[in-house]
């Protein structure tokens, strides 16, 4: 069994910053790819950012230059630094990991509003 647990979501004003964290536990020692997706009400789940074991990163177009993804050396934690947040960044953010299969966290709410 694999569990991904997110933390760090919350309410922030436009222009503010948040840092999301995700910790993996369970039978898989490390993951080849980890990352973040998000889903706003009425929208499909979309890519925010992913990072491979080699450190290659991929970002969704709407967050490039504002968000930064990183991971720990054990490949069991992934982080998302979010800066210059906009109201359109409001969504549930899901942690994602891949190693053989694909795994998802329960999600953490991020709300950007004044």
C-alpha atoms as a PDB file:
ATOM      1  CA  UNK A   1       0.000   0.000   0.000  1.00  0.00           C
ATOM      2  CA  UNK A   2       1.215   3.505  -0.866  1.00  0.00           C
ATOM      3  CA  UNK A   3       0.040   6.672   0.828  1.00  0.00           C
ATOM      4  CA  UNK A   4       0.686  10.248  -0.235  1.00  0.00           C
ATOM      5  CA  UNK A   5      -0.116  12.913   2.348  1.00  0.00           C
ATOM      6  CA  UNK A   6      -0.209  16.582   1.389  1.00  0.00           C
ATOM      7  CA  UNK A   7       0.121  19.589   3.677  1.00  0.00           C
ATOM      8  CA  UNK A   8       0.517  23.327   3.392  1.00  0.00           C
ATOM      9  CA  UNK A   9      -2.670  24.418   1.693  1.00  0.00           C
ATOM     10  CA  UNK A  10      -4.804  27.282   2.933  1.00  0.00           C
ATOM     11  CA  UNK A  11      -6.122  30.753   2.252  1.00  0.00           C
ATOM     12  CA  UNK A  12      -3.782  33.423   0.890  1.00  0.00           C
ATOM     13  CA  UNK A  13      -4.255  36.854  -0.640  1.00  0.00           C
ATOM     14  CA  UNK A  14      -3.425  37.522  -4.283  1.00  0.00           C
ATOM     15  CA  UNK A  15       0.302  38.039  -4.701  1.00  0.00           C
ATOM     16  CA  UNK A  16       1.069  35.881  -1.687  1.00  0.00           C
ATOM     17  CA  UNK A  17       2.981  32.645  -1.343  1.00  0.00           C
ATOM     18  CA  UNK A  18       2.390  29.114  -0.097  1.00  0.00           C
ATOM     19  CA  UNK A  19       4.529  26.000   0.152  1.00  0.00           C
ATOM     20  CA  UNK A  20       2.980  22.579  -0.320  1.00  0.00           C
ATOM     21  CA  UNK A  21       4.592  19.379   0.900  1.00  0.00           C
ATOM     22  CA  UNK A  22       3.855  15.758   0.137  1.00  0.00           C
ATOM     23  CA  UNK A  23       5.250  12.750   1.962  1.00  0.00           C
ATOM     24  CA  UNK A  24       5.038   9.219   0.633  1.00  0.00           C
ATOM     25  CA  UNK A  25       4.883   6.119   2.773  1.00  0.00           C
ATOM     26  CA  UNK A  26       4.305   2.444   2.156  1.00  0.00           C
ATOM     27  CA  UNK A  27       5.821  -0.459   0.314  1.00  0.00           C
ATOM     28  CA  UNK A  28       7.615   1.511  -2.414  1.00  0.00           C
ATOM     29  CA  UNK A  29      11.022   2.810  -1.355  1.00  0.00           C
ATOM     30  CA  UNK A  30      11.289   5.649  -3.870  1.00  0.00           C
ATOM     31  CA  UNK A  31       9.488   7.023  -6.893  1.00  0.00           C
ATOM     32  CA  UNK A  32      10.787   7.787 -10.354  1.00  0.00           C
ATOM     33  CA  UNK A  33       8.454  10.735 -10.797  1.00  0.00           C
ATOM     34  CA  UNK A  34       6.631  12.921  -8.292  1.00  0.00           C
ATOM     35  CA  UNK A  35       4.613  16.033  -8.764  1.00  0.00           C
ATOM     36  CA  UNK A  36       1.467  18.065  -8.395  1.00  0.00           C
ATOM     37  CA  UNK A  37      -1.797  18.378 -10.258  1.00  0.00           C
ATOM     38  CA  UNK A  38      -4.758  20.587  -9.445  1.00  0.00           C
ATOM     39  CA  UNK A  39      -8.470  20.658 -10.062  1.00  0.00           C
ATOM     40  CA  UNK A  40     -10.756  23.656  -9.780  1.00  0.00           C
ATOM     41  CA  UNK A  41     -14.561  23.300  -9.591  1.00  0.00           C
ATOM     42  CA  UNK A  42     -15.982  22.513 -13.010  1.00  0.00           C
ATOM     43  CA  UNK A  43     -12.550  21.932 -14.526  1.00  0.00           C
ATOM     44  CA  UNK A  44     -10.536  18.854 -15.367  1.00  0.00           C
ATOM     45  CA  UNK A  45      -7.487  17.923 -13.349  1.00  0.00           C
ATOM     46  CA  UNK A  46      -4.455  19.661 -14.834  1.00  0.00           C
ATOM     47  CA  UNK A  47      -0.702  19.428 -14.534  1.00  0.00           C
ATOM     48  CA  UNK A  48       0.983  21.883 -12.197  1.00  0.00           C
ATOM     49  CA  UNK A  49       4.513  20.468 -12.081  1.00  0.00           C
ATOM     50  CA  UNK A  50       6.361  17.155 -12.060  1.00  0.00           C
ATOM     51  CA  UNK A  51       9.962  16.241 -11.334  1.00  0.00           C
ATOM     52  CA  UNK A  52      11.829  13.102 -12.362  1.00  0.00           C
ATOM     53  CA  UNK A  53      14.492  11.196 -10.482  1.00  0.00           C
ATOM     54  CA  UNK A  54      17.123  12.906 -12.628  1.00  0.00           C
ATOM     55  CA  UNK A  55      15.791  16.297 -11.625  1.00  0.00           C
ATOM     56  CA  UNK A  56      14.059  17.130 -14.890  1.00  0.00           C
ATOM     57  CA  UNK A  57      11.070  19.386 -14.262  1.00  0.00           C
ATOM     58  CA  UNK A  58       7.949  20.085 -16.270  1.00  0.00           C
ATOM     59  CA  UNK A  59       5.531  22.890 -15.466  1.00  0.00           C
ATOM     60  CA  UNK A  60       2.066  23.762 -16.631  1.00  0.00           C
ATOM     61  CA  UNK A  61       2.048  26.894 -18.762  1.00  0.00           C
ATOM     62  CA  UNK A  62      -0.043  28.879 -16.290  1.00  0.00           C
ATOM     63  CA  UNK A  63       2.452  28.469 -13.425  1.00  0.00           C
ATOM     64  CA  UNK A  64       5.790  28.816 -15.216  1.00  0.00           C
ATOM     65  CA  UNK A  65       7.994  31.399 -13.562  1.00  0.00           C
ATOM     66  CA  UNK A  66       5.858  31.495 -10.409  1.00  0.00           C
ATOM     67  CA  UNK A  67       5.958  27.953  -9.012  1.00  0.00           C
ATOM     68  CA  UNK A  68       8.996  25.813  -8.211  1.00  0.00           C
ATOM     69  CA  UNK A  69       8.961  22.062  -7.631  1.00  0.00           C
ATOM     70  CA  UNK A  70      11.624  20.171  -5.692  1.00  0.00           C
ATOM     71  CA  UNK A  71      12.086  16.799  -4.046  1.00  0.00           C
ATOM     72  CA  UNK A  72      14.191  15.241  -1.326  1.00  0.00           C
ATOM     73  CA  UNK A  73      17.180  12.985  -2.014  1.00  0.00           C
ATOM     74  CA  UNK A  74      15.331   9.877  -0.871  1.00  0.00           C
ATOM     75  CA  UNK A  75      12.688  10.465  -3.562  1.00  0.00           C
ATOM     76  CA  UNK A  76       9.865  10.195  -1.038  1.00  0.00           C
ATOM     77  CA  UNK A  77       8.973  13.854  -0.547  1.00  0.00           C
ATOM     78  CA  UNK A  78       8.014  16.509  -3.040  1.00  0.00           C
ATOM     79  CA  UNK A  79       7.508  20.223  -2.482  1.00  0.00           C
ATOM     80  CA  UNK A  80       5.817  23.019  -4.383  1.00  0.00           C
ATOM     81  CA  UNK A  81       6.807  26.613  -3.738  1.00  0.00           C
ATOM     82  CA  UNK A  82       4.045  28.869  -5.056  1.00  0.00           C
ATOM     83  CA  UNK A  83       4.696  32.593  -5.448  1.00  0.00           C
ATOM     84  CA  UNK A  84       2.726  35.482  -6.945  1.00  0.00           C
ATOM     85  CA  UNK A  85      -0.467  33.550  -6.407  1.00  0.00           C
ATOM     86  CA  UNK A  86      -3.529  34.549  -8.411  1.00  0.00           C
ATOM     87  CA  UNK A  87      -7.237  33.891  -7.789  1.00  0.00           C
ATOM     88  CA  UNK A  88      -7.181  31.504 -10.753  1.00  0.00           C
ATOM     89  CA  UNK A  89      -4.721  29.315  -8.827  1.00  0.00           C
ATOM     90  CA  UNK A  90      -7.572  28.415  -6.478  1.00  0.00           C
ATOM     91  CA  UNK A  91      -8.050  24.648  -6.631  1.00  0.00           C
ATOM     92  CA  UNK A  92      -7.536  21.374  -4.830  1.00  0.00           C
ATOM     93  CA  UNK A  93      -3.892  20.399  -5.273  1.00  0.00           C
ATOM     94  CA  UNK A  94      -3.087  16.698  -5.522  1.00  0.00           C
ATOM     95  CA  UNK A  95       0.240  15.044  -4.932  1.00  0.00           C
ATOM     96  CA  UNK A  96       1.201  12.499  -7.597  1.00  0.00           C
ATOM     97  CA  UNK A  97       3.806   9.759  -7.669  1.00  0.00           C
ATOM     98  CA  UNK A  98       4.706   7.114 -10.218  1.00  0.00           C
ATOM     99  CA  UNK A  99       6.678   3.937  -9.781  1.00  0.00           C
ATOM    100  CA  UNK A 100       5.159   1.115 -11.765  1.00  0.00           C
ATOM    101  CA  UNK A 101       1.697   2.352 -10.943  1.00  0.00           C
ATOM    102  CA  UNK A 102       0.336   5.836 -10.438  1.00  0.00           C
ATOM    103  CA  UNK A 103      -0.563   7.101  -6.982  1.00  0.00           C
ATOM    104  CA  UNK A 104      -2.532  10.112  -5.759  1.00  0.00           C
ATOM    105  CA  UNK A 105      -2.926  11.955  -2.489  1.00  0.00           C
ATOM    106  CA  UNK A 106      -6.259  13.080  -1.057  1.00  0.00           C
ATOM    107  CA  UNK A 107      -5.670  16.692  -2.023  1.00  0.00           C
ATOM    108  CA  UNK A 108      -5.205  19.978  -0.191  1.00  0.00           C
ATOM    109  CA  UNK A 109      -7.271  23.095  -0.805  1.00  0.00           C
ATOM    110  CA  UNK A 110      -5.544  26.279  -1.937  1.00  0.00           C
ATOM    111  CA  UNK A 111      -7.701  29.399  -2.011  1.00  0.00           C
ATOM    112  CA  UNK A 112      -6.391  32.709  -3.336  1.00  0.00           C
ATOM    113  CA  UNK A 113      -8.724  35.521  -2.392  1.00  0.00           C
ATOM    114  CA  UNK A 114      -8.752  38.950  -0.827  1.00  0.00           C
END
